[in-house]
Amino acid sequence: MLDGALQNYPQQLQGLVERAGPLAVPGAYNPMAALMARDVGFDALYFSGAAFSAGLGIPDIGIFTLDQLTQAVRDVVRASGLPLIVDADTGFGEPISILKTVRDLEDAGAAAIQIEDQVMPKRCGHLEGKTVVPAEDFVQKLRAAAYARRDALIVARTDSKAIYGMEEAIRRGLMYLDAGADIIFPEALETPEEFRTYADAVGGTLLANMTEFGKTPYLSADQFYALGYKIVIFPVTAMRVAAKATEMALRELYAKGTQAGLLENMQTRAELYRLIEYDRYTEIDSRFSES
């Protein structure tokens, strides 16, 4: 993004949350995906820890570092110029470490920072074998996050429903709001009725995770909104489609030794150059290279 003044991304995201209707937020797993999401009309983006881990060739169990995440966030925000909700897993440590996590990610341009109440090493929210920290311990993390942030919104994710049931997930949601979270994210609810029950009990601004191949049924952003969820993320959708397309292309290339049969499914050179504003960069380069 070459134009424009410095942006207050948290303020922009808050404005989108206050706007009527659902806020559908796709996962942007790298700057190019972020550009494409902006190009088709999305107003905000989500940076998934699972997608980031997969892009690094590692599982989603909290292996990547804060420095790696911060640089990736900075690149996505720079490219897109859109508010970005950042998945910071369990926050990279105890409350004192949360201070650095929140400051670093907000400095990188994050509009919202998501922290979850799992025990490290964490697990994908839709798999078995998860454990969560005591609610009181996670409250201290959230208080530290609320203290550290300047403007960024704090998203509190709870994985407790799958372990302790709906009553505990509701209790935690209310505690987390009271501790300073702006948005509550109940992970891996399994029916529309569960989503409705949770929303009615907790209130506030709620986020629903519409991931694929998990425990949550496939609902549209409008359907989630009707159940009480303002923000609906699609964290890994684009990456999964891109990964499958890449695999299919490589299989054909390996089998046939030519890419000729793939051309109609490729982004063209012209389309790529338009997306990344190639002509703008060359024009600016020419302007300042003139002798």
Protein backbone atom coordinates (compact mmCIF):
# COMPACT_ATOMS: atom_id res chain seq x y z
CA MET A 1 0.00 0.00 0.00
CA LEU A 2 1.71 3.14 -1.22
CA ASP A 3 -0.81 5.86 -0.40
CA GLY A 4 -2.49 7.24 2.67
CA ALA A 5 -1.71 8.54 6.12
CA LEU A 6 -1.07 6.39 9.15
CA GLN A 7 -4.21 4.46 10.05
CA ASN A 8 -5.88 3.82 13.38
CA TYR A 9 -6.77 0.21 12.68
CA PRO A 10 -8.39 -0.51 16.06
CA GLN A 11 -10.69 2.46 15.55
CA GLN A 12 -11.55 1.26 12.06
CA LEU A 13 -12.34 -2.22 13.35
CA GLN A 14 -14.52 -0.81 16.12
CA GLY A 15 -16.43 1.16 13.49
CA LEU A 16 -17.01 -2.02 11.50
CA VAL A 17 -18.24 -3.79 14.62
CA GLU A 18 -20.71 -0.98 15.28
CA ARG A 19 -21.99 -1.02 11.70
CA ALA A 20 -25.27 -2.82 11.04
CA GLY A 21 -25.13 -6.46 9.95
CA PRO A 22 -22.53 -9.21 10.25
CA LEU A 23 -18.81 -8.63 9.73
CA ALA A 24 -17.45 -11.50 7.63
CA VAL A 25 -13.68 -11.73 8.00
CA PRO A 26 -11.56 -14.01 5.80
CA GLY A 27 -8.22 -15.42 6.81
CA ALA A 28 -5.27 -13.76 5.07
CA TYR A 29 -2.36 -16.15 5.41
CA ASN A 30 0.14 -13.93 3.59
CA PRO A 31 0.29 -10.43 2.04
CA MET A 32 -0.84 -11.59 -1.40
CA ALA A 33 -3.94 -13.26 0.05
CA ALA A 34 -4.59 -10.05 1.97
CA LEU A 35 -4.42 -8.03 -1.25
CA MET A 36 -6.87 -10.38 -2.94
CA ALA A 37 -9.29 -10.19 -0.01
CA ARG A 38 -9.17 -6.40 -0.12
CA ASP A 39 -9.57 -6.46 -3.89
CA VAL A 40 -12.83 -8.42 -3.77
CA GLY A 41 -14.28 -6.10 -1.13
CA PHE A 42 -13.62 -7.41 2.40
CA ASP A 43 -13.27 -4.70 5.06
CA ALA A 44 -11.20 -6.59 7.65
CA LEU A 45 -8.89 -9.60 7.80
CA TYR A 46 -7.98 -12.40 10.19
CA PHE A 47 -4.47 -13.77 10.69
CA SER A 48 -4.75 -17.41 11.75
CA GLY A 49 -2.12 -19.12 13.84
CA ALA A 50 -3.08 -22.42 12.22
CA ALA A 51 -2.63 -21.04 8.71
CA PHE A 52 0.63 -19.32 9.65
CA SER A 53 1.96 -22.54 11.16
CA ALA A 54 0.98 -24.52 8.07
CA GLY A 55 2.74 -21.98 5.87
CA LEU A 56 5.88 -22.56 7.91
CA GLY A 57 5.48 -26.31 7.48
CA ILE A 58 4.80 -26.96 11.17
CA PRO A 59 1.73 -28.06 13.16
CA ASP A 60 -0.54 -25.66 15.04
CA ILE A 61 0.79 -26.37 18.52
CA GLY A 62 2.39 -23.03 19.40
CA ILE A 63 5.81 -23.49 17.80
CA PHE A 64 6.30 -20.20 15.96
CA THR A 65 7.82 -17.27 17.86
CA LEU A 66 6.45 -13.85 18.67
CA ASP A 67 9.08 -12.25 16.43
CA GLN A 68 7.99 -14.42 13.49
CA LEU A 69 4.35 -13.54 14.08
CA THR A 70 5.06 -9.83 14.48
CA GLN A 71 6.92 -9.63 11.17
CA ALA A 72 4.18 -11.54 9.35
CA VAL A 73 1.52 -9.24 10.80
CA ARG A 74 3.49 -6.17 9.77
CA ASP A 75 3.74 -7.48 6.19
CA VAL A 76 0.02 -8.27 5.90
CA VAL A 77 -1.03 -4.89 7.31
CA ARG A 78 1.41 -3.03 5.07
CA ALA A 79 0.13 -4.79 1.98
CA SER A 80 -3.59 -4.55 2.66
CA GLY A 81 -4.16 -1.41 4.70
CA LEU A 82 -7.08 -3.20 6.39
CA PRO A 83 -7.81 -3.87 10.07
CA LEU A 84 -6.32 -7.22 11.06
CA ILE A 85 -7.46 -9.52 13.87
CA VAL A 86 -4.37 -11.45 14.97
CA ASP A 87 -4.40 -14.91 16.52
CA ALA A 88 -1.69 -14.83 19.18
CA ASP A 89 -2.41 -18.35 20.45
CA THR A 90 -1.91 -18.42 24.23
CA GLY A 91 -0.08 -15.09 24.25
CA PHE A 92 3.53 -16.30 24.41
CA GLY A 93 3.79 -16.66 28.16
CA GLU A 94 2.45 -15.51 31.49
CA PRO A 95 0.94 -12.07 32.23
CA ILE A 96 4.28 -10.25 32.25
CA SER A 97 5.04 -11.65 28.78
CA ILE A 98 1.57 -10.67 27.54
CA LEU A 99 2.61 -7.04 27.93
CA LYS A 100 5.29 -7.46 25.27
CA THR A 101 3.05 -9.58 23.03
CA VAL A 102 0.31 -6.97 22.94
CA ARG A 103 2.67 -4.02 22.47
CA ASP A 104 4.67 -5.74 19.72
CA LEU A 105 1.59 -6.80 17.77
CA GLU A 106 -0.10 -3.43 18.13
CA ASP A 107 3.10 -1.72 16.98
CA ALA A 108 3.05 -4.05 13.94
CA GLY A 109 -0.43 -2.80 13.06
CA ALA A 110 -2.80 -5.31 14.67
CA ALA A 111 -6.31 -3.96 15.15
CA ALA A 112 -7.27 -6.76 17.54
CA ILE A 113 -5.24 -9.36 19.40
CA GLN A 114 -6.72 -12.76 20.20
CA ILE A 115 -5.55 -14.82 23.17
CA GLU A 116 -6.90 -18.24 24.14
CA ASP A 117 -7.20 -20.08 27.43
CA GLN A 118 -5.58 -23.36 26.41
CA VAL A 119 -2.57 -24.87 28.14
CA MET A 120 0.66 -24.96 26.14
CA PRO A 121 1.42 -26.85 24.02
CA LYS A 122 -1.95 -25.90 22.57
CA ARG A 123 -4.05 -27.91 20.12
CA CYS A 124 -6.32 -27.07 17.21
CA GLY A 125 -9.60 -25.96 18.75
CA HIS A 126 -11.59 -28.59 16.85
CA LEU A 127 -9.46 -31.58 17.90
CA GLU A 128 -9.62 -33.72 21.02
CA GLY A 129 -7.02 -33.63 23.77
CA LYS A 130 -7.25 -29.95 24.64
CA THR A 131 -6.77 -28.65 28.16
CA VAL A 132 -7.42 -25.17 29.51
CA VAL A 133 -5.83 -23.13 32.25
CA PRO A 134 -7.88 -22.17 35.32
CA ALA A 135 -10.20 -19.30 34.46
CA GLU A 136 -8.71 -17.15 37.20
CA ASP A 137 -5.23 -17.52 35.68
CA PHE A 138 -6.47 -16.51 32.25
CA VAL A 139 -8.23 -13.49 33.72
CA GLN A 140 -4.81 -12.23 34.82
CA LYS A 141 -3.54 -12.57 31.25
CA LEU A 142 -6.50 -10.57 29.98
CA ARG A 143 -5.97 -7.88 32.57
CA ALA A 144 -2.35 -7.63 31.49
CA ALA A 145 -3.42 -7.41 27.84
CA ALA A 146 -5.97 -4.69 28.60
CA TYR A 147 -3.31 -2.79 30.53
CA ALA A 148 -0.73 -3.08 27.75
CA ARG A 149 -2.90 -2.16 24.76
CA ARG A 150 -3.18 1.42 23.63
CA ASP A 151 -6.12 1.09 21.24
CA ALA A 152 -6.13 -2.54 20.08
CA LEU A 153 -9.21 -4.62 20.81
CA ILE A 154 -8.72 -7.75 22.90
CA VAL A 155 -10.35 -10.99 21.77
CA ALA A 156 -10.66 -13.70 24.43
CA ARG A 157 -11.09 -17.22 23.09
CA THR A 158 -12.27 -19.99 25.36
CA ASP A 159 -11.87 -23.66 24.50
CA SER A 160 -13.60 -24.78 27.68
CA LYS A 161 -16.93 -25.94 26.23
CA ALA A 162 -15.43 -29.12 24.76
CA ILE A 163 -13.84 -29.98 28.11
CA TYR A 164 -16.20 -28.78 30.83
CA GLY A 165 -19.44 -28.03 28.99
CA MET A 166 -21.56 -25.02 28.17
CA GLU A 167 -22.05 -23.78 31.72
CA GLU A 168 -18.30 -23.35 32.24
CA ALA A 169 -17.85 -21.76 28.81
CA ILE A 170 -20.53 -19.21 29.70
CA ARG A 171 -18.98 -18.56 33.10
CA ARG A 172 -15.62 -17.93 31.49
CA GLY A 173 -17.08 -15.66 28.82
CA LEU A 174 -18.63 -13.43 31.47
CA MET A 175 -15.41 -13.42 33.50
CA TYR A 176 -13.35 -12.54 30.45
CA LEU A 177 -15.60 -9.61 29.54
CA ASP A 178 -15.28 -8.33 33.08
CA ALA A 179 -11.47 -8.67 32.88
CA GLY A 180 -11.28 -6.32 29.90
CA ALA A 181 -11.88 -8.39 26.77
CA ASP A 182 -13.75 -6.53 24.04
CA ILE A 183 -14.78 -9.60 22.05
CA ILE A 184 -15.54 -13.15 23.20
CA PHE A 185 -14.78 -16.14 20.97
CA PRO A 186 -16.35 -19.43 22.14
CA GLU A 187 -14.50 -22.13 20.22
CA ALA A 188 -15.96 -25.34 18.77
CA LEU A 189 -19.64 -24.97 19.56
CA GLU A 190 -21.50 -27.70 17.72
CA THR A 191 -25.07 -26.63 16.93
CA PRO A 192 -27.01 -23.46 16.15
CA GLU A 193 -28.80 -23.98 19.46
CA GLU A 194 -25.50 -23.94 21.34
CA PHE A 195 -24.48 -20.72 19.62
CA ARG A 196 -27.82 -19.14 20.54
CA THR A 197 -27.63 -20.30 24.15
CA TYR A 198 -24.14 -18.89 24.52
CA ALA A 199 -25.02 -15.55 22.96
CA ASP A 200 -28.11 -15.14 25.11
CA ALA A 201 -26.14 -15.85 28.28
CA VAL A 202 -22.94 -13.89 27.62
CA GLY A 203 -23.98 -10.98 25.40
CA GLY A 204 -21.39 -8.44 24.33
CA THR A 205 -19.58 -8.64 21.01
CA LEU A 206 -19.20 -12.27 19.99
CA LEU A 207 -17.04 -13.94 17.34
CA ALA A 208 -17.89 -17.21 15.58
CA ASN A 209 -15.29 -19.41 13.92
CA MET A 210 -16.53 -20.88 10.62
CA THR A 211 -13.66 -23.23 9.97
CA GLU A 212 -13.86 -26.30 7.75
CA PHE A 213 -13.80 -29.98 8.71
CA GLY A 214 -14.39 -29.18 12.38
CA LYS A 215 -17.17 -29.45 14.94
CA THR A 216 -19.13 -26.36 13.92
CA PRO A 217 -21.85 -26.81 11.27
CA TYR A 218 -21.58 -24.77 8.09
CA LEU A 219 -23.53 -21.57 8.68
CA SER A 220 -23.42 -18.31 6.76
CA ALA A 221 -22.39 -14.97 8.24
CA ASP A 222 -26.05 -13.91 8.16
CA GLN A 223 -27.09 -17.04 10.05
CA PHE A 224 -24.46 -16.47 12.72
CA TYR A 225 -25.55 -12.84 13.01
CA ALA A 226 -29.13 -13.96 13.61
CA LEU A 227 -27.80 -16.15 16.44
CA GLY A 228 -26.06 -13.19 18.08
CA TYR A 229 -22.56 -13.20 16.55
CA LYS A 230 -21.31 -9.95 15.05
CA ILE A 231 -17.95 -11.20 13.72
CA VAL A 232 -17.64 -14.37 11.66
CA ILE A 233 -14.15 -15.51 10.73
CA PHE A 234 -13.24 -17.90 7.91
CA PRO A 235 -9.66 -18.39 9.07
CA VAL A 236 -8.25 -21.07 6.80
CA THR A 237 -10.68 -21.16 3.85
CA ALA A 238 -8.48 -19.38 1.32
CA MET A 239 -5.34 -21.25 2.37
CA ARG A 240 -7.03 -24.64 2.07
CA VAL A 241 -8.32 -23.85 -1.41
CA ALA A 242 -4.91 -22.51 -2.46
CA ALA A 243 -3.10 -25.54 -1.01
CA LYS A 244 -5.34 -27.98 -2.85
CA ALA A 245 -4.98 -26.08 -6.12
CA THR A 246 -1.20 -26.05 -5.69
CA GLU A 247 -1.11 -29.78 -5.05
CA MET A 248 -3.23 -30.50 -8.14
CA ALA A 249 -1.05 -28.25 -10.30
CA LEU A 250 2.16 -29.87 -9.09
CA ARG A 251 0.77 -33.37 -9.68
CA GLU A 252 -0.12 -32.49 -13.26
CA LEU A 253 3.23 -30.82 -13.85
CA TYR A 254 5.04 -33.86 -12.45
CA ALA A 255 2.98 -36.27 -14.55
CA LYS A 256 3.04 -34.37 -17.84
CA GLY A 257 6.17 -32.27 -17.69
CA THR A 258 4.27 -29.19 -18.88
CA GLN A 259 1.97 -26.57 -17.39
CA ALA A 260 0.07 -26.03 -20.64
CA GLY A 261 -3.12 -27.63 -19.30
CA LEU A 262 -3.10 -25.41 -16.23
CA LEU A 263 -3.06 -22.00 -17.88
CA GLU A 264 -6.80 -21.36 -17.78
CA ASN A 265 -6.78 -21.79 -14.00
CA MET A 266 -3.80 -19.50 -13.40
CA GLN A 267 -3.70 -15.89 -12.33
CA THR A 268 -2.27 -14.12 -15.38
CA ARG A 269 0.79 -11.91 -15.33
CA ALA A 270 -1.43 -8.89 -15.98
CA GLU A 271 -3.72 -9.81 -13.08
CA LEU A 272 -0.77 -10.21 -10.74
CA TYR A 273 0.76 -6.89 -11.75
CA ARG A 274 -2.53 -5.09 -11.23
CA LEU A 275 -2.95 -6.67 -7.79
CA ILE A 276 0.51 -5.70 -6.55
CA GLU A 277 0.39 -2.27 -8.25
CA TYR A 278 3.44 -2.99 -10.35
CA ASP A 279 2.93 0.09 -12.54
CA ARG A 280 2.67 2.36 -9.50
CA TYR A 281 6.00 1.15 -8.19
CA THR A 282 7.73 1.57 -11.54
CA GLU A 283 6.25 5.05 -11.95
CA ILE A 284 7.55 6.10 -8.54
CA ASP A 285 10.93 4.54 -9.27
CA SER A 286 11.13 6.49 -12.53
CA ARG A 287 10.13 9.73 -10.82
CA PHE A 288 12.99 9.57 -8.35
CA SER A 289 15.52 8.07 -10.75
CA GLU A 290 15.43 10.96 -13.21
CA SER A 291 18.70 12.81 -13.46
